[in-house]
Amino acid sequence: MASRILLSDSNDPHFNLAVEDCIFRSMPADQRVLFLWRNADTVVIGRAQNPWKECNLKKMEDDSISLARRQSGGGAVFHDLGNTNFTFMAGKPEYDKEVSTRIVLDGLKKLGIEGYANGRNDLVVGEGEEMRKFSGSAYKEAKDRGFHHGTLLLHADLSRLANYLNPDPKKLQSKGITSVRSRVTNLDSLRANIDHNMVCDTIIQAFCEHFGETPDIEHISPDALPDLPGFVEKFEQQQSWDWNFGKSPEFTHQLDERFQWGGVELHLNLQKAIISAAQTYTDSLFPDPIEELAKRLIGVTYLPDAIAKCVDETHRRLSKPFSQFRRDESLDCGDDCLNYCILCDSRSSGYLLL
């Protein structure tokens, strides 16, 4: 079985996720692949997740954090340049996640780090109360092949995780967020000068030693595209709004805010990030604009600009426009209203906004 090693020189999450998926779909069943990569500030969500539920999208936009939907399932994670990501792929029957786990651990051992596998997905250091997790993994299998991918915490900013993710309260109740944070560590606590290039070098060495091969390393980037069938189309899909947002499952969102002229509640049903139903409630003395807006929102894409355009068109068409919606009114309802607040984002029209 021939081996292939790809090393991404790009920190673009959409590029790297496209590479990973294309390799898995196109590789011969008699090939094994090692792919090493990392992403700049990104929240990566699972294939079936809803970014409006999982992420603080307003905070992500403010801090220039990318959103990327991967092709596999699982939960949302935050990546920065303090992470190194690895992907092992092989045809069956050779594919074995225990082998790929051992290669990662052997690579780290060359750096003086003695880690071990704990349970199905985690790599850890230490024992008992001193045990700390530094890697999480996920797996995917097809009929004739499988892959194992995971991330290694080298010097990631662990404090930023809570800034961009909205954790499931039930998960927090069952696991305890404090205990979860206390059990995670960066590997620079064990080797101060550890970095991405160093880890890639030692994992590649361990991979070559294990299989007795030394394939050429393929350095890839958007300026040096990988030799993979269908890659350009896959890269375009990974970057698209339709994939990252439009693939969201059907969901509902309820928003509310009180202005000087009255309160508003907006109940939305969404399918593939398109508003399929809308209902409004208000105690305003002039409810007509709010009621009309609910009708006009149906079919609108769930984007700030699209919502603002709908509000503006409604305003222009009504005989009594939104005169009570003061453009100079300073509104801020905090972070509890849909991340991009549908009522108070002053960047657009100044009316009801997403």
Protein backbone atom coordinates (compact mmCIF):
# COMPACT_ATOMS: atom_id res chain seq x y z
CA MET A 1 0.00 0.00 0.00
CA ALA A 2 1.49 3.34 -1.08
CA SER A 3 1.60 6.30 1.30
CA ARG A 4 0.90 9.98 0.69
CA ILE A 5 1.78 12.89 2.99
CA LEU A 6 0.17 16.32 2.53
CA LEU A 7 1.18 19.35 4.58
CA SER A 8 -1.03 22.42 4.30
CA ASP A 9 0.68 25.80 4.23
CA SER A 10 -2.75 27.45 4.43
CA ASN A 11 -4.59 28.50 7.57
CA ASP A 12 -7.89 28.81 5.66
CA PRO A 13 -10.39 26.41 7.28
CA HIS A 14 -12.47 26.10 4.11
CA PHE A 15 -9.41 25.11 2.10
CA ASN A 16 -8.27 22.55 4.66
CA LEU A 17 -11.69 20.99 5.13
CA ALA A 18 -12.12 20.75 1.35
CA VAL A 19 -8.76 18.98 1.08
CA GLU A 20 -9.70 16.50 3.79
CA ASP A 21 -13.04 15.64 2.21
CA CYS A 22 -11.66 15.36 -1.32
CA ILE A 23 -8.88 13.04 -0.22
CA PHE A 24 -11.29 10.75 1.55
CA ARG A 25 -13.71 10.59 -1.37
CA SER A 26 -11.11 10.11 -4.10
CA MET A 27 -8.22 8.14 -2.58
CA PRO A 28 -7.63 4.63 -3.91
CA ALA A 29 -8.61 1.89 -1.51
CA ASP A 30 -5.00 0.67 -1.49
CA GLN A 31 -3.55 4.01 -0.30
CA ARG A 32 -2.80 5.49 3.13
CA VAL A 33 -2.67 9.25 3.71
CA LEU A 34 -1.33 11.58 6.41
CA PHE A 35 -2.65 15.16 6.22
CA LEU A 36 -1.37 17.82 8.65
CA TRP A 37 -2.94 21.29 8.88
CA ARG A 38 -4.14 24.08 11.15
CA ASN A 39 -6.76 26.81 10.98
CA ALA A 40 -6.60 30.46 11.95
CA ASP A 41 -9.33 31.68 14.31
CA THR A 42 -12.32 29.55 13.34
CA VAL A 43 -15.38 27.89 14.80
CA VAL A 44 -15.86 24.55 13.05
CA ILE A 45 -19.35 23.08 13.33
CA GLY A 46 -20.59 19.59 12.52
CA ARG A 47 -22.43 18.75 9.32
CA ALA A 48 -25.87 18.73 10.99
CA GLN A 49 -25.43 21.65 13.40
CA ASN A 50 -27.18 25.03 13.48
CA PRO A 51 -24.72 27.95 13.70
CA TRP A 52 -27.36 30.31 15.13
CA LYS A 53 -27.78 27.91 18.03
CA GLU A 54 -24.19 26.78 18.50
CA CYS A 55 -22.32 30.05 17.97
CA ASN A 56 -22.23 33.64 19.14
CA LEU A 57 -22.26 34.97 15.57
CA LYS A 58 -22.19 38.63 16.59
CA LYS A 59 -19.06 38.14 18.68
CA MET A 60 -17.49 36.08 15.89
CA GLU A 61 -18.05 38.86 13.37
CA ASP A 62 -16.73 41.51 15.77
CA ASP A 63 -13.53 39.48 16.29
CA SER A 64 -13.15 38.32 12.65
CA ILE A 65 -13.68 34.65 13.52
CA SER A 66 -14.50 32.37 10.57
CA LEU A 67 -17.31 29.84 10.53
CA ALA A 68 -16.73 26.54 8.74
CA ARG A 69 -19.04 23.54 8.48
CA ARG A 70 -17.22 20.24 8.12
CA GLN A 71 -18.50 17.25 6.19
CA SER A 72 -18.52 14.95 9.24
CA GLY A 73 -20.82 15.03 12.26
CA GLY A 74 -20.07 15.95 15.85
CA GLY A 75 -20.01 19.17 17.83
CA ALA A 76 -18.63 22.68 17.47
CA VAL A 77 -14.97 23.40 18.23
CA PHE A 78 -12.75 26.48 18.20
CA HIS A 79 -9.44 26.43 16.30
CA ASP A 80 -6.61 28.92 16.38
CA LEU A 81 -2.96 28.75 15.36
CA GLY A 82 -2.14 27.13 18.69
CA ASN A 83 -3.73 23.91 17.39
CA THR A 84 -2.24 21.30 15.08
CA ASN A 85 -4.75 19.13 13.23
CA PHE A 86 -4.01 15.67 11.90
CA THR A 87 -5.92 13.35 9.59
CA PHE A 88 -5.04 9.71 8.89
CA MET A 89 -6.79 7.79 6.12
CA ALA A 90 -6.37 4.27 4.85
CA GLY A 91 -8.19 1.61 2.90
CA LYS A 92 -9.60 -1.39 4.63
CA PRO A 93 -8.67 -3.76 6.13
CA GLU A 94 -5.50 -1.81 6.98
CA TYR A 95 -7.34 1.18 8.44
CA ASP A 96 -6.92 1.05 12.21
CA LYS A 97 -7.41 4.06 14.50
CA GLU A 98 -5.18 2.46 17.12
CA VAL A 99 -2.30 2.59 14.63
CA SER A 100 -2.84 6.29 13.86
CA THR A 101 -3.14 7.06 17.57
CA ARG A 102 0.15 5.28 18.21
CA ILE A 103 1.86 7.28 15.43
CA VAL A 104 0.77 10.58 17.03
CA LEU A 105 1.96 9.47 20.45
CA ASP A 106 5.28 8.23 19.03
CA GLY A 107 5.77 11.57 17.33
CA LEU A 108 5.19 13.41 20.61
CA LYS A 109 7.49 11.00 22.43
CA LYS A 110 10.31 12.22 20.20
CA LEU A 111 9.69 15.63 21.82
CA GLY A 112 9.83 14.18 25.33
CA ILE A 113 6.05 14.14 25.83
CA GLU A 114 4.65 10.90 27.23
CA GLY A 115 0.97 10.84 26.35
CA TYR A 116 -1.52 8.00 26.15
CA ALA A 117 -5.00 7.24 24.90
CA ASN A 118 -7.81 7.52 27.43
CA GLY A 119 -11.18 6.21 26.32
CA ARG A 120 -12.34 6.39 22.72
CA ASN A 121 -11.46 9.93 21.67
CA ASP A 122 -8.95 11.57 24.02
CA LEU A 123 -5.18 11.76 24.34
CA VAL A 124 -3.99 12.76 27.79
CA VAL A 125 -0.97 13.26 30.00
CA GLY A 126 -0.72 12.66 33.74
CA GLU A 127 -2.55 10.29 36.03
CA GLY A 128 -5.51 10.49 38.39
CA GLU A 129 -6.27 14.03 39.53
CA GLU A 130 -3.34 15.28 37.45
CA MET A 131 -4.72 13.87 34.18
CA ARG A 132 -5.07 16.50 31.46
CA LYS A 133 -6.51 16.18 27.95
CA PHE A 134 -4.53 17.66 25.04
CA SER A 135 -6.25 16.05 22.06
CA GLY A 136 -9.73 15.04 20.92
CA SER A 137 -10.52 12.87 17.91
CA ALA A 138 -13.33 11.83 15.61
CA TYR A 139 -13.64 8.97 13.14
CA LYS A 140 -15.43 8.23 9.91
CA GLU A 141 -15.70 4.97 8.01
CA ALA A 142 -16.96 4.01 4.58
CA LYS A 143 -17.27 0.56 3.07
CA ASP A 144 -13.68 0.34 1.89
CA ARG A 145 -11.86 3.07 3.85
CA GLY A 146 -11.76 5.04 7.09
CA PHE A 147 -10.29 8.18 8.57
CA HIS A 148 -9.22 9.40 11.98
CA HIS A 149 -8.82 13.13 12.55
CA GLY A 150 -8.09 15.16 15.64
CA THR A 151 -6.52 18.27 17.07
CA LEU A 152 -3.50 18.75 19.33
CA LEU A 153 -3.46 21.66 21.76
CA LEU A 154 0.01 23.19 21.59
CA HIS A 155 -0.46 26.76 22.76
CA ALA A 156 -4.13 27.43 22.02
CA ASP A 157 -5.92 30.29 23.77
CA LEU A 158 -8.28 28.17 25.84
CA SER A 159 -10.00 31.22 27.31
CA ARG A 160 -11.48 32.14 23.90
CA LEU A 161 -13.56 28.99 23.59
CA ALA A 162 -16.37 30.41 25.72
CA ASN A 163 -16.43 33.64 23.68
CA TYR A 164 -17.79 32.07 20.52
CA LEU A 165 -19.67 28.91 21.45
CA ASN A 166 -23.06 28.58 23.11
CA PRO A 167 -22.71 25.37 25.12
CA ASP A 168 -25.69 23.08 25.56
CA PRO A 169 -26.96 23.63 29.15
CA LYS A 170 -27.71 19.93 29.46
CA LYS A 171 -24.11 19.10 28.58
CA LEU A 172 -22.87 21.56 31.15
CA GLN A 173 -25.15 20.07 33.79
CA SER A 174 -23.91 16.55 33.07
CA LYS A 175 -20.19 17.37 32.68
CA GLY A 176 -19.66 20.63 34.54
CA ILE A 177 -17.92 23.40 32.61
CA THR A 178 -15.44 24.09 35.40
CA SER A 179 -14.27 20.51 35.56
CA VAL A 180 -14.03 20.29 31.77
CA ARG A 181 -11.81 23.36 31.59
CA SER A 182 -9.60 22.14 34.40
CA ARG A 183 -8.95 18.84 32.59
CA VAL A 184 -7.59 20.46 29.39
CA THR A 185 -3.98 21.52 28.87
CA ASN A 186 -1.65 22.84 26.20
CA LEU A 187 1.47 20.85 25.42
CA ASP A 188 3.64 23.94 25.88
CA SER A 189 3.16 23.31 29.59
CA LEU A 190 5.35 20.24 29.06
CA ARG A 191 7.70 21.61 26.40
CA ALA A 192 7.92 25.38 26.34
CA ASN A 193 9.14 25.84 22.77
CA ILE A 194 6.77 23.40 21.06
CA ASP A 195 5.28 24.64 17.78
CA HIS A 196 3.32 23.46 14.76
CA ASN A 197 6.31 22.75 12.50
CA MET A 198 8.06 20.77 15.19
CA VAL A 199 5.03 18.56 15.81
CA CYS A 200 4.41 18.03 12.09
CA ASP A 201 8.04 16.96 11.61
CA THR A 202 7.96 14.37 14.37
CA ILE A 203 4.56 12.94 13.37
CA ILE A 204 5.81 12.60 9.80
CA GLN A 205 8.93 10.82 11.09
CA ALA A 206 6.82 8.44 13.17
CA PHE A 207 4.52 7.78 10.20
CA CYS A 208 7.42 6.97 7.87
CA GLU A 209 9.11 4.75 10.47
CA HIS A 210 5.94 2.81 11.14
CA PHE A 211 5.25 2.02 7.49
CA GLY A 212 8.86 1.85 6.32
CA GLU A 213 8.30 4.43 3.58
CA THR A 214 9.51 7.97 2.91
CA PRO A 215 7.09 9.54 0.44
CA ASP A 216 7.65 13.07 -0.81
CA ILE A 217 5.85 15.68 1.27
CA GLU A 218 3.26 17.59 -0.78
CA HIS A 219 3.05 21.22 0.38
CA ILE A 220 -0.38 22.56 -0.57
CA SER A 221 -2.15 25.93 -0.38
CA PRO A 222 -4.64 27.99 -2.41
CA ASP A 223 -1.61 29.00 -4.52
CA ALA A 224 -0.45 25.37 -4.89
CA LEU A 225 -3.65 23.36 -5.20
CA PRO A 226 -3.54 19.67 -4.35
CA ASP A 227 -3.85 17.07 -7.08
CA LEU A 228 -7.33 15.93 -6.11
CA PRO A 229 -10.30 15.38 -8.45
CA GLY A 230 -13.15 17.82 -7.91
CA PHE A 231 -11.16 19.95 -5.48
CA VAL A 232 -11.95 23.38 -6.96
CA GLU A 233 -15.69 22.70 -6.77
CA LYS A 234 -15.43 21.35 -3.22
CA PHE A 235 -13.39 24.38 -2.11
CA GLU A 236 -16.06 26.69 -3.53
CA GLN A 237 -18.77 24.77 -1.69
CA GLN A 238 -16.92 24.92 1.63
CA GLN A 239 -16.66 28.72 1.35
CA SER A 240 -20.30 29.27 0.40
CA TRP A 241 -23.02 30.73 2.61
CA ASP A 242 -25.34 27.96 1.38
CA TRP A 243 -23.05 25.31 2.88
CA ASN A 244 -22.00 27.02 6.11
CA PHE A 245 -25.40 28.51 6.98
CA GLY A 246 -27.97 27.23 4.50
CA LYS A 247 -27.34 23.61 5.47
CA SER A 248 -28.75 24.29 8.94
CA PRO A 249 -31.61 22.01 9.95
CA GLU A 250 -35.12 23.38 10.39
CA PHE A 251 -35.31 25.53 13.51
CA THR A 252 -37.27 28.28 15.23
CA HIS A 253 -36.13 31.53 16.77
CA GLN A 254 -37.96 33.83 19.16
CA LEU A 255 -36.75 37.40 19.60
CA ASP A 256 -38.02 40.23 21.74
CA GLU A 257 -37.09 43.78 22.65
CA ARG A 258 -38.69 46.84 24.20
CA PHE A 259 -38.32 50.27 22.63
CA GLN A 260 -39.57 53.67 23.81
CA TRP A 261 -42.63 53.25 21.58
CA GLY A 262 -43.48 49.69 22.73
CA GLY A 263 -42.37 46.09 22.88
CA VAL A 264 -42.01 43.61 20.03
CA GLU A 265 -41.85 39.81 19.91
CA LEU A 266 -40.90 38.07 16.69
CA HIS A 267 -41.35 34.31 16.24
CA LEU A 268 -39.63 32.81 13.19
CA ASN A 269 -39.60 29.37 11.62
CA LEU A 270 -36.64 28.68 9.34
CA GLN A 271 -35.87 25.97 6.79
CA LYS A 272 -32.40 25.91 5.25
CA ALA A 273 -31.86 29.38 6.75
CA ILE A 274 -34.87 30.80 4.89
CA ILE A 275 -37.77 32.26 6.90
CA SER A 276 -40.74 29.97 6.27
CA ALA A 277 -43.15 31.52 8.79
CA ALA A 278 -43.19 34.66 10.93
CA GLN A 279 -45.48 35.97 13.62
CA THR A 280 -45.22 39.23 15.52
CA TYR A 281 -46.69 40.57 18.75
CA THR A 282 -46.53 44.17 19.93
CA ASP A 283 -48.17 46.57 22.39
CA SER A 284 -47.32 49.54 20.14
CA LEU A 285 -50.13 51.99 19.42
CA PHE A 286 -49.25 51.56 15.73
CA PRO A 287 -49.12 47.76 15.20
CA ASP A 288 -49.65 47.86 11.40
CA PRO A 289 -45.95 48.08 10.42
CA ILE A 290 -45.04 45.20 12.73
CA GLU A 291 -47.85 43.00 11.42
CA GLU A 292 -47.01 43.81 7.80
CA LEU A 293 -43.35 43.04 8.39
CA ALA A 294 -44.23 39.50 9.53
CA LYS A 295 -45.91 38.85 6.17
CA ARG A 296 -43.02 40.26 4.15
CA LEU A 297 -40.34 38.33 6.04
CA ILE A 298 -41.56 34.99 4.68
CA GLY A 299 -39.10 33.72 2.09
CA VAL A 300 -36.31 36.07 3.19
CA THR A 301 -32.82 34.65 3.73
CA TYR A 302 -31.70 34.86 7.35
CA LEU A 303 -28.99 37.45 6.76
CA PRO A 304 -28.64 40.97 8.23
CA ASP A 305 -28.68 42.69 4.85
CA ALA A 306 -31.68 40.68 3.61
CA ILE A 307 -33.68 41.44 6.77
CA ALA A 308 -32.75 45.12 6.64
CA LYS A 309 -33.83 45.31 2.98
CA CYS A 310 -37.19 43.75 3.86
CA VAL A 311 -37.70 46.28 6.66
CA ASP A 312 -36.82 49.18 4.36
CA GLU A 313 -39.19 47.97 1.64
CA THR A 314 -41.99 47.56 4.18
CA HIS A 315 -41.29 51.06 5.45
CA ARG A 316 -41.51 52.56 1.98
CA ARG A 317 -44.71 50.74 0.99
CA LEU A 318 -46.82 51.49 4.05
CA SER A 319 -49.02 54.57 4.03
CA LYS A 320 -48.04 55.14 7.65
CA PRO A 321 -44.35 54.28 7.65
CA PHE A 322 -42.27 53.48 10.68
CA SER A 323 -42.37 57.07 11.88
CA GLN A 324 -42.23 55.99 15.49
CA PHE A 325 -38.97 54.09 14.87
CA ARG A 326 -36.47 56.81 15.61
CA ARG A 327 -33.27 56.47 13.62
CA ASP A 328 -31.33 58.40 16.26
CA GLU A 329 -32.46 56.06 19.03
CA SER A 330 -29.52 54.27 20.61
CA LEU A 331 -30.57 50.67 21.13
CA ASP A 332 -28.67 47.83 22.71
CA CYS A 333 -30.36 44.73 24.06
CA GLY A 334 -27.17 42.84 24.87
CA ASP A 335 -26.04 39.42 23.69
CA ASP A 336 -29.20 37.49 24.46
CA CYS A 337 -31.05 38.33 21.30
CA LEU A 338 -29.94 36.08 18.46
CA ASN A 339 -26.30 37.15 18.39
CA TYR A 340 -27.05 39.46 15.44
CA CYS A 341 -29.88 41.26 17.20
CA ILE A 342 -32.93 41.52 15.02
CA LEU A 343 -34.06 44.63 16.87
CA CYS A 344 -31.04 46.76 17.56
CA ASP A 345 -28.14 46.41 15.12
CA SER A 346 -27.40 50.01 14.22
CA ARG A 347 -25.11 49.13 11.33
CA SER A 348 -27.96 48.77 8.86
CA SER A 349 -31.31 50.54 8.54
CA GLY A 350 -31.97 51.49 12.16
CA TYR A 351 -35.35 49.73 12.29
CA LEU A 352 -35.90 46.06 13.10
CA LEU A 353 -32.72 44.32 12.10
CA LEU A 354 -30.99 40.95 12.15
